[in-house]
Amino acid sequence: MKVIRTGDDAFESFLGRIKLRGKAVDGKLWETVREICSDVAAEGDQALFRYTEKFDGYRLEKDDIAVSNAEWEEAASLVAGDDLEILK
């Protein structure tokens, strides 16, 4: 642990670095993330499809993401028994 005292020459610089922690990303980006999360919570897959097209340039449809029974069974076979029970 580093101890720094208010009377130290480097105190103001150190305090300034602490204040900037977590501010590497601007507020507009966080607002966009909140908006996307809100849209997905409210609209589900439709919002995901819209954002996939907007950001990835790929248009998804419901049938594009359908998972067959065989795929579900294969995926389930890869999950430990206790974990599978929790997921159920």
PDB file of N, CA and C in Angstrom:
ATOM      1  N   MET A   1       0.850  -1.167   0.000  1.00  0.00           N
ATOM      2  CA  MET A   1       0.000   0.000   0.000  1.00  0.00           C
ATOM      3  C   MET A   1       0.895   1.229   0.000  1.00  0.00           C
ATOM      4  N   LYS A   2       0.568   2.170  -0.827  1.00  0.00           N
ATOM      5  CA  LYS A   2       1.323   3.411  -0.896  1.00  0.00           C
ATOM      6  C   LYS A   2       0.636   4.460  -0.016  1.00  0.00           C
ATOM      7  N   VAL A   3       1.422   5.052   0.860  1.00  0.00           N
ATOM      8  CA  VAL A   3       0.894   6.102   1.734  1.00  0.00           C
ATOM      9  C   VAL A   3       1.346   7.436   1.169  1.00  0.00           C
ATOM     10  N   ILE A   4       0.422   8.337   1.011  1.00  0.00           N
ATOM     11  CA  ILE A   4       0.752   9.679   0.525  1.00  0.00           C
ATOM     12  C   ILE A   4       0.069  10.675   1.459  1.00  0.00           C
ATOM     13  N   ARG A   5       0.785  11.694   1.788  1.00  0.00           N
ATOM     14  CA  ARG A   5       0.282  12.685   2.747  1.00  0.00           C
ATOM     15  C   ARG A   5      -0.021  13.995   2.024  1.00  0.00           C
ATOM     16  N   THR A   6      -0.957  14.728   2.561  1.00  0.00           N
ATOM     17  CA  THR A   6      -1.365  15.977   1.912  1.00  0.00           C
ATOM     18  C   THR A   6      -0.208  16.958   1.774  1.00  0.00           C
ATOM     19  N   GLY A   7       0.786  16.846   2.599  1.00  0.00           N
ATOM     20  CA  GLY A   7       1.932  17.746   2.512  1.00  0.00           C
ATOM     21  C   GLY A   7       2.979  17.300   1.512  1.00  0.00           C
ATOM     22  N   ASP A   8       2.843  16.098   0.930  1.00  0.00           N
ATOM     23  CA  ASP A   8       3.816  15.596  -0.040  1.00  0.00           C
ATOM     24  C   ASP A   8       3.742  16.393  -1.332  1.00  0.00           C
ATOM     25  N   ASP A   9       4.888  16.554  -1.961  1.00  0.00           N
ATOM     26  CA  ASP A   9       4.951  17.295  -3.227  1.00  0.00           C
ATOM     27  C   ASP A   9       4.059  16.678  -4.304  1.00  0.00           C
ATOM     28  N   ALA A  10       3.947  15.359  -4.306  1.00  0.00           N
ATOM     29  CA  ALA A  10       3.194  14.667  -5.360  1.00  0.00           C
ATOM     30  C   ALA A  10       1.711  14.506  -5.023  1.00  0.00           C
ATOM     31  N   PHE A  11       1.269  15.035  -3.888  1.00  0.00           N
ATOM     32  CA  PHE A  11      -0.113  14.814  -3.454  1.00  0.00           C
ATOM     33  C   PHE A  11      -1.138  15.272  -4.488  1.00  0.00           C
ATOM     34  N   GLU A  12      -1.034  16.487  -4.977  1.00  0.00           N
ATOM     35  CA  GLU A  12      -2.031  17.021  -5.926  1.00  0.00           C
ATOM     36  C   GLU A  12      -2.073  16.189  -7.207  1.00  0.00           C
ATOM     37  N   SER A  13      -0.921  15.792  -7.701  1.00  0.00           N
ATOM     38  CA  SER A  13      -0.869  14.968  -8.908  1.00  0.00           C
ATOM     39  C   SER A  13      -1.528  13.608  -8.656  1.00  0.00           C
ATOM     40  N   PHE A  14      -1.203  12.991  -7.543  1.00  0.00           N
ATOM     41  CA  PHE A  14      -1.765  11.699  -7.175  1.00  0.00           C
ATOM     42  C   PHE A  14      -3.280  11.789  -7.013  1.00  0.00           C
ATOM     43  N   LEU A  15      -3.749  12.805  -6.321  1.00  0.00           N
ATOM     44  CA  LEU A  15      -5.178  12.994  -6.117  1.00  0.00           C
ATOM     45  C   LEU A  15      -5.889  13.212  -7.458  1.00  0.00           C
ATOM     46  N   GLY A  16      -5.260  13.964  -8.335  1.00  0.00           N
ATOM     47  CA  GLY A  16      -5.842  14.194  -9.663  1.00  0.00           C
ATOM     48  C   GLY A  16      -6.016  12.902 -10.432  1.00  0.00           C
ATOM     49  N   ARG A  17      -5.038  11.997 -10.355  1.00  0.00           N
ATOM     50  CA  ARG A  17      -5.145  10.700 -11.038  1.00  0.00           C
ATOM     51  C   ARG A  17      -6.278   9.866 -10.444  1.00  0.00           C
ATOM     52  N   ILE A  18      -6.437   9.918  -9.126  1.00  0.00           N
ATOM     53  CA  ILE A  18      -7.519   9.174  -8.479  1.00  0.00           C
ATOM     54  C   ILE A  18      -8.880   9.692  -8.948  1.00  0.00           C
ATOM     55  N   LYS A  19      -9.015  11.001  -9.038  1.00  0.00           N
ATOM     56  CA  LYS A  19     -10.294  11.598  -9.452  1.00  0.00           C
ATOM     57  C   LYS A  19     -10.665  11.208 -10.878  1.00  0.00           C
ATOM     58  N   LEU A  20      -9.664  10.942 -11.717  1.00  0.00           N
ATOM     59  CA  LEU A  20      -9.932  10.614 -13.116  1.00  0.00           C
ATOM     60  C   LEU A  20     -10.222   9.130 -13.343  1.00  0.00           C
ATOM     61  N   ARG A  21     -10.040   8.302 -12.340  1.00  0.00           N
ATOM     62  CA  ARG A  21     -10.310   6.876 -12.496  1.00  0.00           C
ATOM     63  C   ARG A  21     -11.754   6.661 -12.933  1.00  0.00           C
ATOM     64  N   GLY A  22     -11.926   5.812 -13.922  1.00  0.00           N
ATOM     65  CA  GLY A  22     -13.268   5.494 -14.394  1.00  0.00           C
ATOM     66  C   GLY A  22     -13.859   6.538 -15.318  1.00  0.00           C
ATOM     67  N   LYS A  23     -13.132   7.583 -15.605  1.00  0.00           N
ATOM     68  CA  LYS A  23     -13.662   8.629 -16.486  1.00  0.00           C
ATOM     69  C   LYS A  23     -13.015   8.581 -17.862  1.00  0.00           C
ATOM     70  N   ALA A  24     -12.390   7.457 -18.170  1.00  0.00           N
ATOM     71  CA  ALA A  24     -11.747   7.316 -19.475  1.00  0.00           C
ATOM     72  C   ALA A  24     -12.786   7.294 -20.586  1.00  0.00           C
ATOM     73  N   VAL A  25     -14.002   6.934 -20.235  1.00  0.00           N
ATOM     74  CA  VAL A  25     -15.082   6.864 -21.213  1.00  0.00           C
ATOM     75  C   VAL A  25     -16.010   8.044 -20.956  1.00  0.00           C
ATOM     76  N   ASP A  26     -16.358   8.739 -22.010  1.00  0.00           N
ATOM     77  CA  ASP A  26     -17.181   9.934 -21.815  1.00  0.00           C
ATOM     78  C   ASP A  26     -18.645   9.597 -21.527  1.00  0.00           C
ATOM     79  N   GLY A  27     -19.335  10.568 -21.004  1.00  0.00           N
ATOM     80  CA  GLY A  27     -20.729  10.400 -20.606  1.00  0.00           C
ATOM     81  C   GLY A  27     -21.650  10.020 -21.744  1.00  0.00           C
ATOM     82  N   LYS A  28     -21.379  10.513 -22.946  1.00  0.00           N
ATOM     83  CA  LYS A  28     -22.230  10.198 -24.101  1.00  0.00           C
ATOM     84  C   LYS A  28     -22.210   8.699 -24.393  1.00  0.00           C
ATOM     85  N   LEU A  29     -21.040   8.095 -24.271  1.00  0.00           N
ATOM     86  CA  LEU A  29     -20.940   6.657 -24.497  1.00  0.00           C
ATOM     87  C   LEU A  29     -21.781   5.892 -23.472  1.00  0.00           C
ATOM     88  N   TRP A  30     -21.682   6.275 -22.195  1.00  0.00           N
ATOM     89  CA  TRP A  30     -22.475   5.609 -21.165  1.00  0.00           C
ATOM     90  C   TRP A  30     -23.964   5.787 -21.407  1.00  0.00           C
ATOM     91  N   GLU A  31     -24.367   6.949 -21.878  1.00  0.00           N
ATOM     92  CA  GLU A  31     -25.782   7.183 -22.186  1.00  0.00           C
ATOM     93  C   GLU A  31     -26.232   6.266 -23.322  1.00  0.00           C
ATOM     94  N   THR A  32     -25.386   6.077 -24.327  1.00  0.00           N
ATOM     95  CA  THR A  32     -25.706   5.179 -25.437  1.00  0.00           C
ATOM     96  C   THR A  32     -25.844   3.748 -24.946  1.00  0.00           C
ATOM     97  N   VAL A  33     -24.940   3.316 -24.072  1.00  0.00           N
ATOM     98  CA  VAL A  33     -25.004   1.964 -23.511  1.00  0.00           C
ATOM     99  C   VAL A  33     -26.292   1.780 -22.715  1.00  0.00           C
ATOM    100  N   ARG A  34     -26.645   2.772 -21.900  1.00  0.00           N
ATOM    101  CA  ARG A  34     -27.900   2.687 -21.131  1.00  0.00           C
ATOM    102  C   ARG A  34     -29.110   2.585 -22.061  1.00  0.00           C
ATOM    103  N   GLU A  35     -29.087   3.349 -23.136  1.00  0.00           N
ATOM    104  CA  GLU A  35     -30.196   3.324 -24.093  1.00  0.00           C
ATOM    105  C   GLU A  35     -30.319   1.946 -24.747  1.00  0.00           C
ATOM    106  N   ILE A  36     -29.192   1.384 -25.149  1.00  0.00           N
ATOM    107  CA  ILE A  36     -29.213   0.058 -25.774  1.00  0.00           C
ATOM    108  C   ILE A  36     -29.747  -0.987 -24.789  1.00  0.00           C
ATOM    109  N   CYS A  37     -29.257  -0.974 -23.565  1.00  0.00           N
ATOM    110  CA  CYS A  37     -29.720  -1.938 -22.553  1.00  0.00           C
ATOM    111  C   CYS A  37     -31.208  -1.776 -22.290  1.00  0.00           C
ATOM    112  N   SER A  38     -31.674  -0.558 -22.215  1.00  0.00           N
ATOM    113  CA  SER A  38     -33.089  -0.297 -21.988  1.00  0.00           C
ATOM    114  C   SER A  38     -33.925  -0.821 -23.151  1.00  0.00           C
ATOM    115  N   ASP A  39     -33.468  -0.566 -24.367  1.00  0.00           N
ATOM    116  CA  ASP A  39     -34.192  -1.048 -25.550  1.00  0.00           C
ATOM    117  C   ASP A  39     -34.258  -2.569 -25.581  1.00  0.00           C
ATOM    118  N   VAL A  40     -33.146  -3.220 -25.268  1.00  0.00           N
ATOM    119  CA  VAL A  40     -33.113  -4.688 -25.280  1.00  0.00           C
ATOM    120  C   VAL A  40     -34.026  -5.237 -24.191  1.00  0.00           C
ATOM    121  N   ALA A  41     -34.029  -4.606 -23.017  1.00  0.00           N
ATOM    122  CA  ALA A  41     -34.907  -5.062 -21.935  1.00  0.00           C
ATOM    123  C   ALA A  41     -36.372  -4.921 -22.328  1.00  0.00           C
ATOM    124  N   ALA A  42     -36.706  -3.856 -23.025  1.00  0.00           N
ATOM    125  CA  ALA A  42     -38.106  -3.589 -23.386  1.00  0.00           C
ATOM    126  C   ALA A  42     -38.552  -4.345 -24.637  1.00  0.00           C
ATOM    127  N   GLU A  43     -37.644  -4.478 -25.610  1.00  0.00           N
ATOM    128  CA  GLU A  43     -38.029  -5.014 -26.914  1.00  0.00           C
ATOM    129  C   GLU A  43     -37.460  -6.390 -27.235  1.00  0.00           C
ATOM    130  N   GLY A  44     -36.537  -6.868 -26.422  1.00  0.00           N
ATOM    131  CA  GLY A  44     -35.963  -8.198 -26.638  1.00  0.00           C
ATOM    132  C   GLY A  44     -35.221  -8.325 -27.955  1.00  0.00           C
ATOM    133  N   ASP A  45     -35.497  -9.439 -28.639  1.00  0.00           N
ATOM    134  CA  ASP A  45     -34.779  -9.761 -29.876  1.00  0.00           C
ATOM    135  C   ASP A  45     -34.889  -8.674 -30.936  1.00  0.00           C
ATOM    136  N   GLN A  46     -36.029  -8.010 -31.021  1.00  0.00           N
ATOM    137  CA  GLN A  46     -36.188  -6.981 -32.055  1.00  0.00           C
ATOM    138  C   GLN A  46     -35.137  -5.882 -31.900  1.00  0.00           C
ATOM    139  N   ALA A  47     -34.864  -5.500 -30.664  1.00  0.00           N
ATOM    140  CA  ALA A  47     -33.827  -4.489 -30.418  1.00  0.00           C
ATOM    141  C   ALA A  47     -32.456  -5.047 -30.781  1.00  0.00           C
ATOM    142  N   LEU A  48     -32.208  -6.309 -30.429  1.00  0.00           N
ATOM    143  CA  LEU A  48     -30.923  -6.920 -30.789  1.00  0.00           C
ATOM    144  C   LEU A  48     -30.737  -6.958 -32.300  1.00  0.00           C
ATOM    145  N   PHE A  49     -31.789  -7.308 -33.001  1.00  0.00           N
ATOM    146  CA  PHE A  49     -31.710  -7.329 -34.469  1.00  0.00           C
ATOM    147  C   PHE A  49     -31.397  -5.939 -35.013  1.00  0.00           C
ATOM    148  N   ARG A  50     -32.090  -4.948 -34.489  1.00  0.00           N
ATOM    149  CA  ARG A  50     -31.890  -3.569 -34.958  1.00  0.00           C
ATOM    150  C   ARG A  50     -30.450  -3.108 -34.702  1.00  0.00           C
ATOM    151  N   TYR A  51     -29.943  -3.370 -33.511  1.00  0.00           N
ATOM    152  CA  TYR A  51     -28.581  -2.932 -33.187  1.00  0.00           C
ATOM    153  C   TYR A  51     -27.526  -3.743 -33.940  1.00  0.00           C
ATOM    154  N   THR A  52     -27.809  -5.004 -34.223  1.00  0.00           N
ATOM    155  CA  THR A  52     -26.879  -5.801 -35.032  1.00  0.00           C
ATOM    156  C   THR A  52     -26.759  -5.185 -36.421  1.00  0.00           C
ATOM    157  N   GLU A  53     -27.881  -4.796 -36.974  1.00  0.00           N
ATOM    158  CA  GLU A  53     -27.840  -4.166 -38.299  1.00  0.00           C
ATOM    159  C   GLU A  53     -27.140  -2.811 -38.235  1.00  0.00           C
ATOM    160  N   LYS A  54     -27.433  -2.042 -37.208  1.00  0.00           N
ATOM    161  CA  LYS A  54     -26.843  -0.704 -37.080  1.00  0.00           C
ATOM    162  C   LYS A  54     -25.327  -0.775 -36.904  1.00  0.00           C
ATOM    163  N   PHE A  55     -24.854  -1.626 -35.996  1.00  0.00           N
ATOM    164  CA  PHE A  55     -23.430  -1.643 -35.667  1.00  0.00           C
ATOM    165  C   PHE A  55     -22.606  -2.613 -36.503  1.00  0.00           C
ATOM    166  N   ASP A  56     -23.214  -3.729 -36.920  1.00  0.00           N
ATOM    167  CA  ASP A  56     -22.467  -4.749 -37.648  1.00  0.00           C
ATOM    168  C   ASP A  56     -22.786  -4.766 -39.142  1.00  0.00           C
ATOM    169  N   GLY A  57     -23.856  -4.054 -39.518  1.00  0.00           N
ATOM    170  CA  GLY A  57     -24.219  -4.025 -40.930  1.00  0.00           C
ATOM    171  C   GLY A  57     -24.802  -5.340 -41.416  1.00  0.00           C
ATOM    172  N   TYR A  58     -25.288  -6.161 -40.491  1.00  0.00           N
ATOM    173  CA  TYR A  58     -25.865  -7.450 -40.854  1.00  0.00           C
ATOM    174  C   TYR A  58     -27.309  -7.506 -40.388  1.00  0.00           C
ATOM    175  N   ARG A  59     -28.194  -7.834 -41.301  1.00  0.00           N
ATOM    176  CA  ARG A  59     -29.620  -7.878 -40.963  1.00  0.00           C
ATOM    177  C   ARG A  59     -30.001  -9.279 -40.505  1.00  0.00           C
ATOM    178  N   LEU A  60     -30.376  -9.389 -39.242  1.00  0.00           N
ATOM    179  CA  LEU A  60     -30.826 -10.656 -38.666  1.00  0.00           C
ATOM    180  C   LEU A  60     -32.336 -10.748 -38.703  1.00  0.00           C
ATOM    181  N   GLU A  61     -32.811 -11.960 -38.853  1.00  0.00           N
ATOM    182  CA  GLU A  61     -34.232 -12.261 -38.744  1.00  0.00           C
ATOM    183  C   GLU A  61     -34.386 -13.374 -37.707  1.00  0.00           C
ATOM    184  N   LYS A  62     -35.586 -13.537 -37.218  1.00  0.00           N
ATOM    185  CA  LYS A  62     -35.868 -14.537 -36.190  1.00  0.00           C
ATOM    186  C   LYS A  62     -35.384 -15.928 -36.614  1.00  0.00           C
ATOM    187  N   ASP A  63     -35.615 -16.288 -37.852  1.00  0.00           N
ATOM    188  CA  ASP A  63     -35.231 -17.623 -38.329  1.00  0.00           C
ATOM    189  C   ASP A  63     -33.713 -17.802 -38.392  1.00  0.00           C
ATOM    190  N   ASP A  64     -32.974 -16.693 -38.464  1.00  0.00           N
ATOM    191  CA  ASP A  64     -31.510 -16.786 -38.541  1.00  0.00           C
ATOM    192  C   ASP A  64     -30.893 -17.280 -37.239  1.00  0.00           C
ATOM    193  N   ILE A  65     -31.590 -17.107 -36.149  1.00  0.00           N
ATOM    194  CA  ILE A  65     -31.003 -17.454 -34.855  1.00  0.00           C
ATOM    195  C   ILE A  65     -31.689 -18.646 -34.192  1.00  0.00           C
ATOM    196  N   ALA A  66     -32.547 -19.313 -34.927  1.00  0.00           N
ATOM    197  CA  ALA A  66     -33.236 -20.477 -34.374  1.00  0.00           C
ATOM    198  C   ALA A  66     -32.225 -21.569 -34.042  1.00  0.00           C
ATOM    199  N   VAL A  67     -32.427 -22.219 -32.909  1.00  0.00           N
ATOM    200  CA  VAL A  67     -31.546 -23.302 -32.469  1.00  0.00           C
ATOM    201  C   VAL A  67     -32.344 -24.597 -32.533  1.00  0.00           C
ATOM    202  N   SER A  68     -31.795 -25.559 -33.239  1.00  0.00           N
ATOM    203  CA  SER A  68     -32.504 -26.836 -33.391  1.00  0.00           C
ATOM    204  C   SER A  68     -32.439 -27.638 -32.087  1.00  0.00           C
ATOM    205  N   ASN A  69     -33.331 -28.618 -31.973  1.00  0.00           N
ATOM    206  CA  ASN A  69     -33.318 -29.489 -30.793  1.00  0.00           C
ATOM    207  C   ASN A  69     -31.975 -30.192 -30.656  1.00  0.00           C
ATOM    208  N   ALA A  70     -31.409 -30.628 -31.771  1.00  0.00           N
ATOM    209  CA  ALA A  70     -30.114 -31.312 -31.729  1.00  0.00           C
ATOM    210  C   ALA A  70     -29.026 -30.381 -31.188  1.00  0.00           C
ATOM    211  N   GLU A  71     -29.068 -29.124 -31.576  1.00  0.00           N
ATOM    212  CA  GLU A  71     -28.089 -28.161 -31.075  1.00  0.00           C
ATOM    213  C   GLU A  71     -28.255 -27.925 -29.572  1.00  0.00           C
ATOM    214  N   TRP A  72     -29.518 -27.836 -29.108  1.00  0.00           N
ATOM    215  CA  TRP A  72     -29.779 -27.683 -27.670  1.00  0.00           C
ATOM    216  C   TRP A  72     -29.247 -28.890 -26.905  1.00  0.00           C
ATOM    217  N   GLU A  73     -29.531 -30.086 -27.424  1.00  0.00           N
ATOM    218  CA  GLU A  73     -29.091 -31.308 -26.753  1.00  0.00           C
ATOM    219  C   GLU A  73     -27.571 -31.400 -26.704  1.00  0.00           C
ATOM    220  N   GLU A  74     -26.914 -31.042 -27.805  1.00  0.00           N
ATOM    221  CA  GLU A  74     -25.450 -31.070 -27.831  1.00  0.00           C
ATOM    222  C   GLU A  74     -24.878 -30.079 -26.817  1.00  0.00           C
ATOM    223  N   ALA A  75     -25.437 -28.888 -26.783  1.00  0.00           N
ATOM    224  CA  ALA A  75     -24.963 -27.881 -25.837  1.00  0.00           C
ATOM    225  C   ALA A  75     -25.189 -28.346 -24.405  1.00  0.00           C
ATOM    226  N   ALA A  76     -26.345 -28.927 -24.129  1.00  0.00           N
ATOM    227  CA  ALA A  76     -26.651 -29.405 -22.782  1.00  0.00           C
ATOM    228  C   ALA A  76     -25.706 -30.519 -22.360  1.00  0.00           C
ATOM    229  N   SER A  77     -25.283 -31.336 -23.312  1.00  0.00           N
ATOM    230  CA  SER A  77     -24.378 -32.444 -22.979  1.00  0.00           C
ATOM    231  C   SER A  77     -22.995 -31.948 -22.556  1.00  0.00           C
ATOM    232  N   LEU A  78     -22.681 -30.710 -22.871  1.00  0.00           N
ATOM    233  CA  LEU A  78     -21.377 -30.134 -22.532  1.00  0.00           C
ATOM    234  C   LEU A  78     -21.365 -29.434 -21.179  1.00  0.00           C
ATOM    235  N   VAL A  79     -22.547 -29.333 -20.555  1.00  0.00           N
ATOM    236  CA  VAL A  79     -22.673 -28.621 -19.277  1.00  0.00           C
ATOM    237  C   VAL A  79     -22.693 -29.642 -18.141  1.00  0.00           C
ATOM    238  N   ALA A  80     -21.945 -29.356 -17.087  1.00  0.00           N
ATOM    239  CA  ALA A  80     -21.924 -30.248 -15.918  1.00  0.00           C
ATOM    240  C   ALA A  80     -23.334 -30.414 -15.354  1.00  0.00           C
ATOM    241  N   GLY A  81     -23.631 -31.598 -14.831  1.00  0.00           N
ATOM    242  CA  GLY A  81     -24.970 -31.932 -14.351  1.00  0.00           C
ATOM    243  C   GLY A  81     -25.552 -30.934 -13.365  1.00  0.00           C
ATOM    244  N   ASP A  82     -24.762 -30.543 -12.354  1.00  0.00           N
ATOM    245  CA  ASP A  82     -25.248 -29.577 -11.361  1.00  0.00           C
ATOM    246  C   ASP A  82     -25.581 -28.246 -12.009  1.00  0.00           C
ATOM    247  N   ASP A  83     -24.716 -27.801 -12.918  1.00  0.00           N
ATOM    248  CA  ASP A  83     -24.951 -26.534 -13.609  1.00  0.00           C
ATOM    249  C   ASP A  83     -26.177 -26.608 -14.491  1.00  0.00           C
ATOM    250  N   LEU A  84     -26.375 -27.754 -15.130  1.00  0.00           N
ATOM    251  CA  LEU A  84     -27.541 -27.939 -16.000  1.00  0.00           C
ATOM    252  C   LEU A  84     -28.824 -27.843 -15.179  1.00  0.00           C
ATOM    253  N   GLU A  85     -28.828 -28.418 -13.993  1.00  0.00           N
ATOM    254  CA  GLU A  85     -30.017 -28.344 -13.128  1.00  0.00           C
ATOM    255  C   GLU A  85     -30.311 -26.910 -12.733  1.00  0.00           C
ATOM    256  N   ILE A  86     -29.271 -26.140 -12.465  1.00  0.00           N
ATOM    257  CA  ILE A  86     -29.463 -24.725 -12.116  1.00  0.00           C
ATOM    258  C   ILE A  86     -30.070 -23.965 -13.291  1.00  0.00           C
ATOM    259  N   LEU A  87     -29.591 -24.269 -14.481  1.00  0.00           N
ATOM    260  CA  LEU A  87     -30.105 -23.576 -15.674  1.00  0.00           C
ATOM    261  C   LEU A  87     -31.560 -23.931 -15.951  1.00  0.00           C
ATOM    262  N   LYS A  88     -31.949 -25.144 -15.636  1.00  0.00           N
ATOM    263  CA  LYS A  88     -33.336 -25.564 -15.860  1.00  0.00           C
ATOM    264  C   LYS A  88     -34.244 -24.804 -14.916  1.00  0.00           C
TER     265      LYS A  88
END
